[in-house]
PDB file of N, CA and C in Angstrom:
ATOM      1  N   UNK A   1      -1.684 130.381 115.126  1.00  0.00           N
ATOM      2  CA  UNK A   1      -0.728 130.903 113.771  1.00  0.00           C
ATOM      3  C   UNK A   1      -1.086 132.509 113.925  1.00  0.00           C
ATOM      4  N   UNK A   2       0.173 133.071 114.029  1.00  0.00           N
ATOM      5  CA  UNK A   2      -0.325 134.429 113.457  1.00  0.00           C
ATOM      6  C   UNK A   2       1.200 134.857 112.489  1.00  0.00           C
ATOM      7  N   UNK A   3       0.477 135.700 111.771  1.00  0.00           N
ATOM      8  CA  UNK A   3       1.409 136.286 110.870  1.00  0.00           C
ATOM      9  C   UNK A   3       2.720 137.266 111.019  1.00  0.00           C
ATOM     10  N   UNK A   4       3.388 137.382 110.287  1.00  0.00           N
ATOM     11  CA  UNK A   4       4.486 138.481 110.549  1.00  0.00           C
ATOM     12  C   UNK A   4       3.985 139.995 110.465  1.00  0.00           C
ATOM     13  N   UNK A   5       2.702 139.823 109.926  1.00  0.00           N
ATOM     14  CA  UNK A   5       2.136 141.387 109.996  1.00  0.00           C
ATOM     15  C   UNK A   5       1.289 141.707 111.137  1.00  0.00           C
ATOM     16  N   UNK A   6       0.651 140.325 111.590  1.00  0.00           N
ATOM     17  CA  UNK A   6      -0.108 140.360 112.758  1.00  0.00           C
ATOM     18  C   UNK A   6       0.829 141.018 113.868  1.00  0.00           C
ATOM     19  N   UNK A   7       2.098 140.288 114.134  1.00  0.00           N
ATOM     20  CA  UNK A   7       2.653 140.572 115.000  1.00  0.00           C
ATOM     21  C   UNK A   7       3.167 141.939 115.261  1.00  0.00           C
ATOM     22  N   UNK A   8       4.002 142.552 114.071  1.00  0.00           N
ATOM     23  CA  UNK A   8       4.174 143.693 113.826  1.00  0.00           C
ATOM     24  C   UNK A   8       3.000 144.373 114.275  1.00  0.00           C
ATOM     25  N   UNK A   9       1.996 144.663 114.109  1.00  0.00           N
ATOM     26  CA  UNK A   9       0.780 145.408 114.204  1.00  0.00           C
ATOM     27  C   UNK A   9       0.634 145.366 115.915  1.00  0.00           C
ATOM     28  N   UNK A  10       0.712 144.313 116.405  1.00  0.00           N
ATOM     29  CA  UNK A  10       0.572 144.044 117.766  1.00  0.00           C
ATOM     30  C   UNK A  10       1.429 144.695 118.610  1.00  0.00           C
ATOM     31  N   UNK A  11       2.895 144.824 118.269  1.00  0.00           N
ATOM     32  CA  UNK A  11       3.680 145.551 118.713  1.00  0.00           C
ATOM     33  C   UNK A  11       3.718 147.190 118.720  1.00  0.00           C
ATOM     34  N   UNK A  12       3.070 147.525 117.325  1.00  0.00           N
ATOM     35  CA  UNK A  12       3.271 148.908 116.945  1.00  0.00           C
ATOM     36  C   UNK A  12       2.092 149.455 117.425  1.00  0.00           C
ATOM     37  N   UNK A  13       1.261 148.784 118.402  1.00  0.00           N
ATOM     38  CA  UNK A  13      -0.019 149.174 118.718  1.00  0.00           C
ATOM     39  C   UNK A  13       0.220 149.617 120.406  1.00  0.00           C
ATOM     40  N   UNK A  14       1.490 149.301 120.756  1.00  0.00           N
ATOM     41  CA  UNK A  14       2.039 149.608 122.228  1.00  0.00           C
ATOM     42  C   UNK A  14       2.461 151.036 122.476  1.00  0.00           C
ATOM     43  N   UNK A  15       2.218 151.809 123.191  1.00  0.00           N
ATOM     44  CA  UNK A  15       2.638 153.369 123.042  1.00  0.00           C
ATOM     45  C   UNK A  15       3.915 153.462 122.553  1.00  0.00           C
ATOM     46  N   UNK A  16       4.232 154.755 122.062  1.00  0.00           N
ATOM     47  CA  UNK A  16       5.230 155.058 121.436  1.00  0.00           C
ATOM     48  C   UNK A  16       6.487 154.196 120.939  1.00  0.00           C
ATOM     49  N   UNK A  17       5.543 153.143 120.658  1.00  0.00           N
ATOM     50  CA  UNK A  17       6.473 151.509 119.956  1.00  0.00           C
ATOM     51  C   UNK A  17       6.817 152.515 118.354  1.00  0.00           C
ATOM     52  N   UNK A  18       7.726 151.946 117.545  1.00  0.00           N
ATOM     53  CA  UNK A  18       8.153 151.929 116.076  1.00  0.00           C
ATOM     54  C   UNK A  18       9.055 150.907 116.076  1.00  0.00           C
ATOM     55  N   UNK A  19       8.857 151.246 114.744  1.00  0.00           N
ATOM     56  CA  UNK A  19       9.913 150.039 114.117  1.00  0.00           C
ATOM     57  C   UNK A  19      10.846 150.777 113.486  1.00  0.00           C
ATOM     58  N   UNK A  20      12.337 150.005 113.303  1.00  0.00           N
ATOM     59  CA  UNK A  20      13.243 150.360 112.919  1.00  0.00           C
ATOM     60  C   UNK A  20      14.265 149.414 112.135  1.00  0.00           C
ATOM     61  N   UNK A  21      14.666 149.098 110.978  1.00  0.00           N
ATOM     62  CA  UNK A  21      15.325 148.467 109.868  1.00  0.00           C
ATOM     63  C   UNK A  21      16.649 147.932 110.578  1.00  0.00           C
ATOM     64  N   UNK A  22      17.302 147.325 111.317  1.00  0.00           N
ATOM     65  CA  UNK A  22      18.495 146.780 111.831  1.00  0.00           C
ATOM     66  C   UNK A  22      18.973 145.458 111.346  1.00  0.00           C
ATOM     67  N   UNK A  23      20.213 145.342 111.099  1.00  0.00           N
ATOM     68  CA  UNK A  23      21.011 144.015 111.138  1.00  0.00           C
ATOM     69  C   UNK A  23      20.019 143.184 109.925  1.00  0.00           C
ATOM     70  N   UNK A  24      19.755 143.328 109.176  1.00  0.00           N
ATOM     71  CA  UNK A  24      18.467 142.793 107.991  1.00  0.00           C
ATOM     72  C   UNK A  24      17.256 142.440 108.872  1.00  0.00           C
ATOM     73  N   UNK A  25      17.174 142.892 109.847  1.00  0.00           N
ATOM     74  CA  UNK A  25      15.492 142.582 109.888  1.00  0.00           C
ATOM     75  C   UNK A  25      15.032 143.984 110.710  1.00  0.00           C
ATOM     76  N   UNK A  26      13.769 143.761 111.053  1.00  0.00           N
ATOM     77  CA  UNK A  26      12.527 145.060 111.785  1.00  0.00           C
ATOM     78  C   UNK A  26      13.107 144.788 113.409  1.00  0.00           C
ATOM     79  N   UNK A  27      13.537 145.839 113.859  1.00  0.00           N
ATOM     80  CA  UNK A  27      13.430 145.656 115.464  1.00  0.00           C
ATOM     81  C   UNK A  27      12.141 146.791 115.714  1.00  0.00           C
ATOM     82  N   UNK A  28      11.603 146.347 116.470  1.00  0.00           N
ATOM     83  CA  UNK A  28      10.436 147.155 117.240  1.00  0.00           C
ATOM     84  C   UNK A  28      11.193 147.785 118.631  1.00  0.00           C
ATOM     85  N   UNK A  29      10.844 149.036 118.756  1.00  0.00           N
ATOM     86  CA  UNK A  29      11.512 149.691 119.820  1.00  0.00           C
ATOM     87  C   UNK A  29      10.640 150.651 120.484  1.00  0.00           C
ATOM     88  N   UNK A  30      11.077 150.896 121.769  1.00  0.00           N
ATOM     89  CA  UNK A  30      10.538 152.228 122.487  1.00  0.00           C
ATOM     90  C   UNK A  30      11.927 153.036 122.579  1.00  0.00           C
ATOM     91  N   UNK A  31      12.114 154.109 122.029  1.00  0.00           N
ATOM     92  CA  UNK A  31      12.695 155.211 121.974  1.00  0.00           C
ATOM     93  C   UNK A  31      14.134 154.234 121.308  1.00  0.00           C
ATOM     94  N   UNK A  32      14.975 153.945 122.074  1.00  0.00           N
ATOM     95  CA  UNK A  32      16.095 153.506 121.231  1.00  0.00           C
ATOM     96  C   UNK A  32      16.791 152.073 121.893  1.00  0.00           C
ATOM     97  N   UNK A  33      15.265 151.436 122.701  1.00  0.00           N
ATOM     98  CA  UNK A  33      15.558 149.974 123.127  1.00  0.00           C
ATOM     99  C   UNK A  33      14.531 149.032 122.604  1.00  0.00           C
ATOM    100  N   UNK A  34      15.161 148.217 122.109  1.00  0.00           N
ATOM    101  CA  UNK A  34      14.574 147.059 121.640  1.00  0.00           C
ATOM    102  C   UNK A  34      13.898 146.261 122.324  1.00  0.00           C
ATOM    103  N   UNK A  35      12.525 145.538 121.866  1.00  0.00           N
ATOM    104  CA  UNK A  35      11.743 144.792 122.697  1.00  0.00           C
ATOM    105  C   UNK A  35      11.640 143.639 121.789  1.00  0.00           C
ATOM    106  N   UNK A  36      11.510 143.635 120.743  1.00  0.00           N
ATOM    107  CA  UNK A  36      11.038 142.518 119.956  1.00  0.00           C
ATOM    108  C   UNK A  36      11.791 142.949 118.461  1.00  0.00           C
ATOM    109  N   UNK A  37      11.849 141.631 117.873  1.00  0.00           N
ATOM    110  CA  UNK A  37      12.733 141.964 115.827  1.00  0.00           C
ATOM    111  C   UNK A  37      12.303 140.580 115.694  1.00  0.00           C
ATOM    112  N   UNK A  38      12.589 140.656 113.798  1.00  0.00           N
ATOM    113  CA  UNK A  38      12.276 139.560 113.467  1.00  0.00           C
ATOM    114  C   UNK A  38      12.306 140.034 111.694  1.00  0.00           C
ATOM    115  N   UNK A  39      12.053 139.057 110.706  1.00  0.00           N
ATOM    116  CA  UNK A  39      11.907 139.693 109.162  1.00  0.00           C
ATOM    117  C   UNK A  39      10.576 138.471 108.743  1.00  0.00           C
ATOM    118  N   UNK A  40       9.958 138.816 108.016  1.00  0.00           N
ATOM    119  CA  UNK A  40       8.683 138.396 107.363  1.00  0.00           C
ATOM    120  C   UNK A  40       9.093 136.728 106.837  1.00  0.00           C
ATOM    121  N   UNK A  41      10.109 136.622 106.541  1.00  0.00           N
ATOM    122  CA  UNK A  41      10.657 135.664 105.552  1.00  0.00           C
ATOM    123  C   UNK A  41      10.898 134.452 106.528  1.00  0.00           C
ATOM    124  N   UNK A  42      11.602 134.860 107.672  1.00  0.00           N
ATOM    125  CA  UNK A  42      11.979 133.550 108.625  1.00  0.00           C
ATOM    126  C   UNK A  42      10.604 132.694 109.481  1.00  0.00           C
ATOM    127  N   UNK A  43       9.456 133.347 109.768  1.00  0.00           N
ATOM    128  CA  UNK A  43       8.530 132.487 110.225  1.00  0.00           C
ATOM    129  C   UNK A  43       8.658 132.160 111.761  1.00  0.00           C
ATOM    130  N   UNK A  44       9.688 133.388 112.265  1.00  0.00           N
ATOM    131  CA  UNK A  44       9.814 133.011 113.514  1.00  0.00           C
ATOM    132  C   UNK A  44      10.186 134.515 113.898  1.00  0.00           C
ATOM    133  N   UNK A  45      10.357 134.861 115.362  1.00  0.00           N
ATOM    134  CA  UNK A  45      10.573 136.624 115.519  1.00  0.00           C
ATOM    135  C   UNK A  45      10.987 135.970 117.059  1.00  0.00           C
ATOM    136  N   UNK A  46      11.700 137.282 117.408  1.00  0.00           N
ATOM    137  CA  UNK A  46      12.502 137.684 118.504  1.00  0.00           C
ATOM    138  C   UNK A  46      11.984 138.111 119.798  1.00  0.00           C
ATOM    139  N   UNK A  47      11.562 137.770 120.918  1.00  0.00           N
ATOM    140  CA  UNK A  47      10.997 138.406 121.721  1.00  0.00           C
ATOM    141  C   UNK A  47      11.644 138.966 122.969  1.00  0.00           C
ATOM    142  N   UNK A  48      11.768 140.016 123.609  1.00  0.00           N
ATOM    143  CA  UNK A  48      12.579 140.322 124.929  1.00  0.00           C
ATOM    144  C   UNK A  48      11.667 139.344 126.386  1.00  0.00           C
ATOM    145  N   UNK A  49      12.640 138.322 127.335  1.00  0.00           N
ATOM    146  CA  UNK A  49      11.670 138.098 128.437  1.00  0.00           C
ATOM    147  C   UNK A  49      12.421 138.064 129.090  1.00  0.00           C
ATOM    148  N   UNK A  50      12.094 137.879 130.422  1.00  0.00           N
ATOM    149  CA  UNK A  50      12.921 137.726 131.883  1.00  0.00           C
ATOM    150  C   UNK A  50      13.738 136.385 131.520  1.00  0.00           C
ATOM    151  N   UNK A  51      14.881 135.745 132.119  1.00  0.00           N
ATOM    152  CA  UNK A  51      15.033 134.652 132.317  1.00  0.00           C
ATOM    153  C   UNK A  51      14.084 133.554 132.963  1.00  0.00           C
ATOM    154  N   UNK A  52      13.361 133.985 133.901  1.00  0.00           N
ATOM    155  CA  UNK A  52      12.368 133.431 134.588  1.00  0.00           C
ATOM    156  C   UNK A  52      11.417 132.830 133.406  1.00  0.00           C
ATOM    157  N   UNK A  53      11.118 133.965 132.683  1.00  0.00           N
ATOM    158  CA  UNK A  53       9.869 133.416 131.876  1.00  0.00           C
ATOM    159  C   UNK A  53      10.327 132.792 130.261  1.00  0.00           C
ATOM    160  N   UNK A  54      11.447 133.277 130.326  1.00  0.00           N
ATOM    161  CA  UNK A  54      12.069 132.035 129.273  1.00  0.00           C
ATOM    162  C   UNK A  54      11.940 130.433 129.515  1.00  0.00           C
ATOM    163  N   UNK A  55      12.535 130.470 130.756  1.00  0.00           N
ATOM    164  CA  UNK A  55      12.515 129.161 130.987  1.00  0.00           C
ATOM    165  C   UNK A  55      11.000 128.548 131.306  1.00  0.00           C
ATOM    166  N   UNK A  56      10.291 129.236 131.736  1.00  0.00           N
ATOM    167  CA  UNK A  56       8.914 128.913 131.890  1.00  0.00           C
ATOM    168  C   UNK A  56       8.476 128.273 130.342  1.00  0.00           C
ATOM    169  N   UNK A  57       8.384 129.538 129.209  1.00  0.00           N
ATOM    170  CA  UNK A  57       8.471 129.454 128.407  1.00  0.00           C
ATOM    171  C   UNK A  57       8.736 127.634 127.567  1.00  0.00           C
ATOM    172  N   UNK A  58      10.013 127.658 127.704  1.00  0.00           N
ATOM    173  CA  UNK A  58      10.806 126.677 126.651  1.00  0.00           C
ATOM    174  C   UNK A  58      10.465 125.348 127.619  1.00  0.00           C
ATOM    175  N   UNK A  59      10.057 125.371 128.816  1.00  0.00           N
ATOM    176  CA  UNK A  59       9.472 124.086 129.248  1.00  0.00           C
ATOM    177  C   UNK A  59       8.283 123.767 129.030  1.00  0.00           C
ATOM    178  N   UNK A  60       7.399 125.037 129.115  1.00  0.00           N
ATOM    179  CA  UNK A  60       5.840 124.417 128.434  1.00  0.00           C
ATOM    180  C   UNK A  60       5.257 124.023 127.254  1.00  0.00           C
ATOM    181  N   UNK A  61       6.492 124.933 126.120  1.00  0.00           N
ATOM    182  CA  UNK A  61       5.930 124.554 124.775  1.00  0.00           C
ATOM    183  C   UNK A  61       7.088 124.648 124.130  1.00  0.00           C
ATOM    184  N   UNK A  62       7.946 123.588 123.920  1.00  0.00           N
ATOM    185  CA  UNK A  62       9.571 123.822 123.219  1.00  0.00           C
ATOM    186  C   UNK A  62       8.876 123.865 121.758  1.00  0.00           C
ATOM    187  N   UNK A  63       7.888 123.363 121.292  1.00  0.00           N
ATOM    188  CA  UNK A  63       7.456 123.678 119.727  1.00  0.00           C
ATOM    189  C   UNK A  63       7.225 124.754 119.466  1.00  0.00           C
ATOM    190  N   UNK A  64       6.854 126.012 120.372  1.00  0.00           N
ATOM    191  CA  UNK A  64       6.452 127.216 119.801  1.00  0.00           C
ATOM    192  C   UNK A  64       7.364 128.175 120.314  1.00  0.00           C
ATOM    193  N   UNK A  65       8.301 127.883 121.505  1.00  0.00           N
ATOM    194  CA  UNK A  65       9.635 128.904 121.700  1.00  0.00           C
ATOM    195  C   UNK A  65      10.778 128.166 122.155  1.00  0.00           C
ATOM    196  N   UNK A  66      11.835 128.677 121.404  1.00  0.00           N
ATOM    197  CA  UNK A  66      13.311 128.355 121.724  1.00  0.00           C
ATOM    198  C   UNK A  66      14.217 129.306 122.254  1.00  0.00           C
ATOM    199  N   UNK A  67      15.696 129.087 122.557  1.00  0.00           N
ATOM    200  CA  UNK A  67      16.210 129.720 123.001  1.00  0.00           C
ATOM    201  C   UNK A  67      16.723 130.679 121.899  1.00  0.00           C
ATOM    202  N   UNK A  68      16.642 131.968 122.001  1.00  0.00           N
ATOM    203  CA  UNK A  68      17.149 132.757 120.738  1.00  0.00           C
ATOM    204  C   UNK A  68      18.833 132.952 120.554  1.00  0.00           C
ATOM    205  N   UNK A  69      19.242 132.814 119.483  1.00  0.00           N
ATOM    206  CA  UNK A  69      20.949 132.990 119.285  1.00  0.00           C
ATOM    207  C   UNK A  69      21.208 134.528 119.623  1.00  0.00           C
ATOM    208  N   UNK A  70      22.581 134.382 120.328  1.00  0.00           N
ATOM    209  CA  UNK A  70      22.911 135.629 120.645  1.00  0.00           C
ATOM    210  C   UNK A  70      22.442 136.526 121.845  1.00  0.00           C
ATOM    211  N   UNK A  71      21.065 136.568 121.969  1.00  0.00           N
ATOM    212  CA  UNK A  71      20.549 137.260 123.157  1.00  0.00           C
ATOM    213  C   UNK A  71      19.955 135.986 123.814  1.00  0.00           C
ATOM    214  N   UNK A  72      19.790 135.245 123.609  1.00  0.00           N
ATOM    215  CA  UNK A  72      19.332 133.772 124.634  1.00  0.00           C
ATOM    216  C   UNK A  72      19.690 134.218 126.183  1.00  0.00           C
ATOM    217  N   UNK A  73      20.866 134.569 126.050  1.00  0.00           N
ATOM    218  CA  UNK A  73      21.239 134.187 127.353  1.00  0.00           C
ATOM    219  C   UNK A  73      21.103 135.423 128.468  1.00  0.00           C
ATOM    220  N   UNK A  74      20.264 136.174 127.954  1.00  0.00           N
ATOM    221  CA  UNK A  74      19.786 137.689 128.681  1.00  0.00           C
ATOM    222  C   UNK A  74      18.324 137.359 128.783  1.00  0.00           C
ATOM    223  N   UNK A  75      17.844 136.222 128.493  1.00  0.00           N
ATOM    224  CA  UNK A  75      16.300 135.762 128.557  1.00  0.00           C
ATOM    225  C   UNK A  75      15.405 135.820 127.200  1.00  0.00           C
ATOM    226  N   UNK A  76      15.986 136.423 125.771  1.00  0.00           N
ATOM    227  CA  UNK A  76      15.204 136.363 124.897  1.00  0.00           C
ATOM    228  C   UNK A  76      14.883 134.893 124.294  1.00  0.00           C
ATOM    229  N   UNK A  77      13.481 134.891 123.673  1.00  0.00           N
ATOM    230  CA  UNK A  77      13.128 133.470 123.151  1.00  0.00           C
ATOM    231  C   UNK A  77      12.747 134.022 121.615  1.00  0.00           C
ATOM    232  N   UNK A  78      13.034 132.751 120.860  1.00  0.00           N
ATOM    233  CA  UNK A  78      12.665 132.874 119.470  1.00  0.00           C
ATOM    234  C   UNK A  78      11.160 132.169 119.776  1.00  0.00           C
ATOM    235  N   UNK A  79      10.117 132.859 118.605  1.00  0.00           N
ATOM    236  CA  UNK A  79       8.603 132.487 118.635  1.00  0.00           C
ATOM    237  C   UNK A  79       8.454 131.918 117.255  1.00  0.00           C
ATOM    238  N   UNK A  80       8.047 130.609 116.903  1.00  0.00           N
ATOM    239  CA  UNK A  80       7.198 130.081 115.891  1.00  0.00           C
ATOM    240  C   UNK A  80       5.978 130.875 115.630  1.00  0.00           C
ATOM    241  N   UNK A  81       5.953 131.322 114.550  1.00  0.00           N
ATOM    242  CA  UNK A  81       4.845 132.500 114.485  1.00  0.00           C
ATOM    243  C   UNK A  81       3.651 131.187 114.242  1.00  0.00           C
ATOM    244  N   UNK A  82       3.811 130.078 113.236  1.00  0.00           N
ATOM    245  CA  UNK A  82       2.910 129.000 112.908  1.00  0.00           C
ATOM    246  C   UNK A  82       2.171 128.356 114.027  1.00  0.00           C
ATOM    247  N   UNK A  83       3.049 128.407 115.044  1.00  0.00           N
ATOM    248  CA  UNK A  83       2.534 127.604 116.057  1.00  0.00           C
ATOM    249  C   UNK A  83       1.756 128.251 117.515  1.00  0.00           C
ATOM    250  N   UNK A  84       2.360 129.749 117.347  1.00  0.00           N
ATOM    251  CA  UNK A  84       1.881 130.468 118.711  1.00  0.00           C
ATOM    252  C   UNK A  84       0.530 131.077 119.129  1.00  0.00           C
ATOM    253  N   UNK A  85      -0.080 131.151 119.837  1.00  0.00           N
ATOM    254  CA  UNK A  85      -1.567 131.271 119.744  1.00  0.00           C
ATOM    255  C   UNK A  85      -1.094 132.676 120.214  1.00  0.00           C
ATOM    256  N   UNK A  86      -2.293 133.802 119.302  1.00  0.00           N
ATOM    257  CA  UNK A  86      -2.169 135.494 119.046  1.00  0.00           C
ATOM    258  C   UNK A  86      -2.392 135.752 120.411  1.00  0.00           C
ATOM    259  N   UNK A  87      -3.033 135.420 121.245  1.00  0.00           N
ATOM    260  CA  UNK A  87      -3.369 136.055 122.576  1.00  0.00           C
ATOM    261  C   UNK A  87      -1.931 136.146 123.296  1.00  0.00           C
ATOM    262  N   UNK A  88      -1.423 134.947 123.526  1.00  0.00           N
ATOM    263  CA  UNK A  88      -0.226 134.477 124.239  1.00  0.00           C
ATOM    264  C   UNK A  88       0.872 135.637 123.905  1.00  0.00           C
ATOM    265  N   UNK A  89       0.924 135.866 122.085  1.00  0.00           N
ATOM    266  CA  UNK A  89       2.076 136.256 121.996  1.00  0.00           C
ATOM    267  C   UNK A  89       1.705 137.795 122.237  1.00  0.00           C
ATOM    268  N   UNK A  90       0.562 138.705 122.295  1.00  0.00           N
ATOM    269  CA  UNK A  90       0.121 139.945 122.535  1.00  0.00           C
ATOM    270  C   UNK A  90       0.678 139.929 124.046  1.00  0.00           C
ATOM    271  N   UNK A  91       0.565 139.097 124.867  1.00  0.00           N
ATOM    272  CA  UNK A  91       0.801 139.134 126.321  1.00  0.00           C
ATOM    273  C   UNK A  91       2.315 139.239 126.294  1.00  0.00           C
ATOM    274  N   UNK A  92       3.087 138.345 125.651  1.00  0.00           N
ATOM    275  CA  UNK A  92       4.416 138.448 125.894  1.00  0.00           C
ATOM    276  C   UNK A  92       5.080 139.642 125.349  1.00  0.00           C
ATOM    277  N   UNK A  93       4.375 140.207 123.985  1.00  0.00           N
ATOM    278  CA  UNK A  93       4.848 141.331 123.559  1.00  0.00           C
ATOM    279  C   UNK A  93       4.781 142.799 124.186  1.00  0.00           C
ATOM    280  N   UNK A  94       3.694 142.821 125.347  1.00  0.00           N
ATOM    281  CA  UNK A  94       3.409 143.668 126.245  1.00  0.00           C
ATOM    282  C   UNK A  94       4.158 143.794 127.258  1.00  0.00           C
ATOM    283  N   UNK A  95       4.651 142.294 127.878  1.00  0.00           N
ATOM    284  CA  UNK A  95       5.579 142.473 128.754  1.00  0.00           C
ATOM    285  C   UNK A  95       7.149 142.628 128.325  1.00  0.00           C
ATOM    286  N   UNK A  96       7.491 142.119 126.830  1.00  0.00           N
ATOM    287  CA  UNK A  96       8.438 142.898 126.393  1.00  0.00           C
ATOM    288  C   UNK A  96       8.715 144.406 126.767  1.00  0.00           C
ATOM    289  N   UNK A  97       7.675 145.077 126.303  1.00  0.00           N
ATOM    290  CA  UNK A  97       7.627 146.650 125.550  1.00  0.00           C
ATOM    291  C   UNK A  97       7.891 146.954 127.350  1.00  0.00           C
ATOM    292  N   UNK A  98       7.269 146.463 128.198  1.00  0.00           N
ATOM    293  CA  UNK A  98       7.029 146.876 129.954  1.00  0.00           C
ATOM    294  C   UNK A  98       8.363 146.894 130.424  1.00  0.00           C
ATOM    295  N   UNK A  99       9.391 146.111 129.697  1.00  0.00           N
ATOM    296  CA  UNK A  99      10.637 146.038 130.273  1.00  0.00           C
ATOM    297  C   UNK A  99      11.445 147.271 129.629  1.00  0.00           C
ATOM    298  N   UNK A 100      11.096 147.667 128.917  1.00  0.00           N
ATOM    299  CA  UNK A 100      12.256 148.660 127.894  1.00  0.00           C
ATOM    300  C   UNK A 100      11.492 150.057 128.139  1.00  0.00           C
ATOM    301  N   UNK A 101      10.176 149.924 128.148  1.00  0.00           N
ATOM    302  CA  UNK A 101       9.147 151.476 127.895  1.00  0.00           C
ATOM    303  C   UNK A 101       9.511 152.248 129.339  1.00  0.00           C
ATOM    304  N   UNK A 102       9.521 153.198 129.012  1.00  0.00           N
ATOM    305  CA  UNK A 102       9.685 154.381 130.664  1.00  0.00           C
ATOM    306  C   UNK A 102       8.502 154.168 131.382  1.00  0.00           C
ATOM    307  N   UNK A 103       8.408 154.201 132.623  1.00  0.00           N
ATOM    308  CA  UNK A 103       7.177 153.964 133.632  1.00  0.00           C
ATOM    309  C   UNK A 103       6.235 154.982 133.441  1.00  0.00           C
ATOM    310  N   UNK A 104       6.348 156.160 132.978  1.00  0.00           N
ATOM    311  CA  UNK A 104       5.430 157.025 132.162  1.00  0.00           C
ATOM    312  C   UNK A 104       4.185 156.339 131.542  1.00  0.00           C
ATOM    313  N   UNK A 105       4.637 155.265 130.915  1.00  0.00           N
ATOM    314  CA  UNK A 105       3.613 154.851 129.726  1.00  0.00           C
ATOM    315  C   UNK A 105       3.116 153.704 130.160  1.00  0.00           C
ATOM    316  N   UNK A 106       3.694 152.811 131.056  1.00  0.00           N
ATOM    317  CA  UNK A 106       3.102 151.774 131.735  1.00  0.00           C
ATOM    318  C   UNK A 106       1.211 152.476 132.109  1.00  0.00           C
ATOM    319  N   UNK A 107       0.871 153.203 132.496  1.00  0.00           N
ATOM    320  CA  UNK A 107      -0.302 153.293 132.531  1.00  0.00           C
ATOM    321  C   UNK A 107      -1.307 153.032 131.443  1.00  0.00           C
ATOM    322  N   UNK A 108      -0.607 153.762 130.346  1.00  0.00           N
ATOM    323  CA  UNK A 108      -1.537 153.502 129.197  1.00  0.00           C
ATOM    324  C   UNK A 108      -1.863 152.210 128.795  1.00  0.00           C
ATOM    325  N   UNK A 109      -1.301 151.376 129.104  1.00  0.00           N
ATOM    326  CA  UNK A 109      -1.318 149.803 128.882  1.00  0.00           C
ATOM    327  C   UNK A 109      -1.933 149.326 130.037  1.00  0.00           C
ATOM    328  N   UNK A 110      -1.888 149.528 131.165  1.00  0.00           N
ATOM    329  CA  UNK A 110      -2.705 149.271 132.141  1.00  0.00           C
ATOM    330  C   UNK A 110      -4.034 149.500 132.427  1.00  0.00           C
ATOM    331  N   UNK A 111      -4.408 150.609 131.552  1.00  0.00           N
ATOM    332  CA  UNK A 111      -5.887 150.897 131.556  1.00  0.00           C
ATOM    333  C   UNK A 111      -6.734 150.047 130.692  1.00  0.00           C
ATOM    334  N   UNK A 112      -5.744 149.891 129.373  1.00  0.00           N
ATOM    335  CA  UNK A 112      -6.553 149.323 128.144  1.00  0.00           C
ATOM    336  C   UNK A 112      -6.848 147.944 128.391  1.00  0.00           C
TER     337      UNK A 112
END
């Protein structure tokens, strides 16, 4: 189980990540590009993923991951915070961040 505050802290620990309230949710971004979003009340968060990773996650753990409304067609997944493993969510967030972060920042995560 992961709380919303833990989710947000994991995302904000990534280089140059910041939060911005949008659409009644908190979006987590690098520059203007969103890599994750959610609201504390929902118990679920939405994380950017590739279509291939999305298919694998949905097939492997349908109780944890589901197709995100609106952006699911682009690979995004909904994550049930009560069901997800913290380490796995951290890896998913890192990959989501990597997909939008400038290449110059990647080495800061690779070294960590």
